[in-house]
Amino acid sequence: DCWLPGAYEEDKYSVGISDIEKENWFLVYPNPNNGKFFIENKVGIKSDLEIRIYNPLGAQLYSTVFNNTKSEIDLSTFSNGIYFIEVIGDGIMWREKIVKE
């Protein structure tokens, strides 16, 4: 799968939910980071969620299943730069830019 940041298809999962509310679904920290960072589930979703990491060209570089309230992601072997994290599952789709320094 491939997607280009800024060229998203319509988000069919979050009809009626404001962008501000969607921003608060997950917390990624620290950001910027050294390749190791945490993602925290702020909305209490208890089912499996898939985490995907993409480069700026839209190529998927990493994928894992996230099924708890907080998980550590290790991209320390990746080059420094901008990446995009996407969380999918349980009727939601959430994206955020992350920076590895």
C-alpha atoms as a PDB file:
ATOM      1  CA  ASP A   1       0.000   0.000   0.000  1.00  0.00           C
ATOM      2  CA  CYS A   2       1.076   3.502  -0.689  1.00  0.00           C
ATOM      3  CA  TRP A   3      -0.365   6.946   0.067  1.00  0.00           C
ATOM      4  CA  LEU A   4       0.958  10.421  -0.360  1.00  0.00           C
ATOM      5  CA  PRO A   5       0.763  12.846   2.545  1.00  0.00           C
ATOM      6  CA  GLY A   6      -1.690  15.592   1.704  1.00  0.00           C
ATOM      7  CA  ALA A   7      -3.446  13.411  -0.872  1.00  0.00           C
ATOM      8  CA  TYR A   8      -5.710  11.500   1.483  1.00  0.00           C
ATOM      9  CA  GLU A   9      -8.865   9.841   0.302  1.00  0.00           C
ATOM     10  CA  GLU A  10     -11.969  10.852   2.193  1.00  0.00           C
ATOM     11  CA  ASP A  11     -11.874   9.485   5.726  1.00  0.00           C
ATOM     12  CA  LYS A  12     -14.945   7.247   5.813  1.00  0.00           C
ATOM     13  CA  TYR A  13     -14.346   6.213   9.421  1.00  0.00           C
ATOM     14  CA  SER A  14     -14.861   9.479  11.237  1.00  0.00           C
ATOM     15  CA  VAL A  15     -18.023  11.055   9.857  1.00  0.00           C
ATOM     16  CA  GLY A  16     -19.177  13.823  12.170  1.00  0.00           C
ATOM     17  CA  ILE A  17     -15.965  13.919  14.200  1.00  0.00           C
ATOM     18  CA  SER A  18     -14.047  17.182  14.110  1.00  0.00           C
ATOM     19  CA  ASP A  19     -10.373  17.291  13.196  1.00  0.00           C
ATOM     20  CA  ILE A  20      -9.602  18.630  16.678  1.00  0.00           C
ATOM     21  CA  GLU A  21     -11.171  15.566  18.289  1.00  0.00           C
ATOM     22  CA  LYS A  22      -9.284  13.242  15.929  1.00  0.00           C
ATOM     23  CA  GLU A  23      -5.981  14.941  16.812  1.00  0.00           C
ATOM     24  CA  ASN A  24      -6.463  13.830  20.407  1.00  0.00           C
ATOM     25  CA  TRP A  25      -7.069  10.130  19.684  1.00  0.00           C
ATOM     26  CA  PHE A  26      -3.382   9.216  20.049  1.00  0.00           C
ATOM     27  CA  LEU A  27      -0.304  10.844  21.512  1.00  0.00           C
ATOM     28  CA  VAL A  28       3.137  10.350  19.933  1.00  0.00           C
ATOM     29  CA  TYR A  29       6.106  11.414  22.043  1.00  0.00           C
ATOM     30  CA  PRO A  30       8.788  12.546  22.006  1.00  0.00           C
ATOM     31  CA  ASN A  31       8.427  14.155  18.616  1.00  0.00           C
ATOM     32  CA  PRO A  32      11.018  14.939  17.267  1.00  0.00           C
ATOM     33  CA  ASN A  33      12.805  11.815  18.499  1.00  0.00           C
ATOM     34  CA  ASN A  34      15.956   9.720  18.026  1.00  0.00           C
ATOM     35  CA  GLY A  35      14.028   6.829  16.476  1.00  0.00           C
ATOM     36  CA  LYS A  36      12.541   5.539  19.706  1.00  0.00           C
ATOM     37  CA  PHE A  37       9.171   6.945  20.658  1.00  0.00           C
ATOM     38  CA  PHE A  38       5.892   6.013  22.303  1.00  0.00           C
ATOM     39  CA  ILE A  39       2.368   5.992  20.962  1.00  0.00           C
ATOM     40  CA  GLU A  40      -0.406   6.234  23.504  1.00  0.00           C
ATOM     41  CA  ASN A  41      -4.069   5.362  22.932  1.00  0.00           C
ATOM     42  CA  LYS A  42      -6.021   8.294  24.413  1.00  0.00           C
ATOM     43  CA  VAL A  43      -9.551   7.102  23.510  1.00  0.00           C
ATOM     44  CA  GLY A  44      -9.592   3.726  25.230  1.00  0.00           C
ATOM     45  CA  ILE A  45      -9.906   1.531  22.146  1.00  0.00           C
ATOM     46  CA  LYS A  46      -9.318  -2.019  23.331  1.00  0.00           C
ATOM     47  CA  SER A  47      -9.234  -3.897  20.017  1.00  0.00           C
ATOM     48  CA  ASP A  48      -6.168  -4.509  17.857  1.00  0.00           C
ATOM     49  CA  LEU A  49      -4.991  -1.473  15.914  1.00  0.00           C
ATOM     50  CA  GLU A  50      -2.424  -1.540  13.142  1.00  0.00           C
ATOM     51  CA  ILE A  51       0.414   0.969  13.234  1.00  0.00           C
ATOM     52  CA  ARG A  52       2.078   1.760   9.924  1.00  0.00           C
ATOM     53  CA  ILE A  53       5.055   4.013   9.239  1.00  0.00           C
ATOM     54  CA  TYR A  54       5.497   5.647   5.825  1.00  0.00           C
ATOM     55  CA  ASN A  55       8.257   7.707   4.268  1.00  0.00           C
ATOM     56  CA  PRO A  56       7.437  11.064   2.589  1.00  0.00           C
ATOM     57  CA  LEU A  57       7.004   9.306  -0.757  1.00  0.00           C
ATOM     58  CA  GLY A  58       4.242   7.121   0.677  1.00  0.00           C
ATOM     59  CA  ALA A  59       6.138   3.829   0.859  1.00  0.00           C
ATOM     60  CA  GLN A  60       5.217   1.730   3.896  1.00  0.00           C
ATOM     61  CA  LEU A  61       8.382   0.964   5.894  1.00  0.00           C
ATOM     62  CA  TYR A  62       7.047  -0.563   9.117  1.00  0.00           C
ATOM     63  CA  SER A  63       3.921  -2.224  10.449  1.00  0.00           C
ATOM     64  CA  THR A  64       2.927  -3.680  13.811  1.00  0.00           C
ATOM     65  CA  VAL A  65      -0.178  -4.451  15.850  1.00  0.00           C
ATOM     66  CA  PHE A  66      -0.970  -2.212  18.793  1.00  0.00           C
ATOM     67  CA  ASN A  67      -3.433  -3.570  21.361  1.00  0.00           C
ATOM     68  CA  ASN A  68      -2.766  -1.734  24.585  1.00  0.00           C
ATOM     69  CA  THR A  69      -2.776   1.805  25.889  1.00  0.00           C
ATOM     70  CA  LYS A  70       0.916   2.555  25.258  1.00  0.00           C
ATOM     71  CA  SER A  71       3.542   1.042  22.994  1.00  0.00           C
ATOM     72  CA  GLU A  72       7.162   1.848  22.148  1.00  0.00           C
ATOM     73  CA  ILE A  73       8.185   2.052  18.493  1.00  0.00           C
ATOM     74  CA  ASP A  74      11.853   1.691  17.549  1.00  0.00           C
ATOM     75  CA  LEU A  75      12.920   3.231  14.249  1.00  0.00           C
ATOM     76  CA  SER A  76      16.510   3.820  15.372  1.00  0.00           C
ATOM     77  CA  THR A  77      17.862   1.996  12.292  1.00  0.00           C
ATOM     78  CA  PHE A  78      15.954   4.358   9.964  1.00  0.00           C
ATOM     79  CA  SER A  79      17.611   7.430   8.455  1.00  0.00           C
ATOM     80  CA  ASN A  80      16.958  10.812  10.022  1.00  0.00           C
ATOM     81  CA  GLY A  81      14.052  12.649   8.460  1.00  0.00           C
ATOM     82  CA  ILE A  82      10.290  13.001   8.306  1.00  0.00           C
ATOM     83  CA  TYR A  83       7.979  10.002   8.513  1.00  0.00           C
ATOM     84  CA  PHE A  84       4.250   9.551   8.855  1.00  0.00           C
ATOM     85  CA  ILE A  85       2.563   7.284  11.389  1.00  0.00           C
ATOM     86  CA  GLU A  86      -0.880   5.886  10.652  1.00  0.00           C
ATOM     87  CA  VAL A  87      -3.159   3.981  13.033  1.00  0.00           C
ATOM     88  CA  ILE A  88      -5.994   1.917  11.549  1.00  0.00           C
ATOM     89  CA  GLY A  89      -8.643  -0.279  13.117  1.00  0.00           C
ATOM     90  CA  ASP A  90     -11.889  -0.415  15.055  1.00  0.00           C
ATOM     91  CA  GLY A  91     -13.494   2.019  12.627  1.00  0.00           C
ATOM     92  CA  ILE A  92     -10.814   4.720  12.845  1.00  0.00           C
ATOM     93  CA  MET A  93      -7.947   6.034  10.756  1.00  0.00           C
ATOM     94  CA  TRP A  94      -5.486   8.501  12.293  1.00  0.00           C
ATOM     95  CA  ARG A  95      -2.276  10.019  10.854  1.00  0.00           C
ATOM     96  CA  GLU A  96       0.528  12.191  12.208  1.00  0.00           C
ATOM     97  CA  LYS A  97       3.933  13.421  11.062  1.00  0.00           C
ATOM     98  CA  ILE A  98       6.951  12.288  13.088  1.00  0.00           C
ATOM     99  CA  VAL A  99      10.518  13.543  12.881  1.00  0.00           C
ATOM    100  CA  LYS A 100      13.607  11.405  13.534  1.00  0.00           C
ATOM    101  CA  GLU A 101      16.729  13.427  14.330  1.00  0.00           C
END
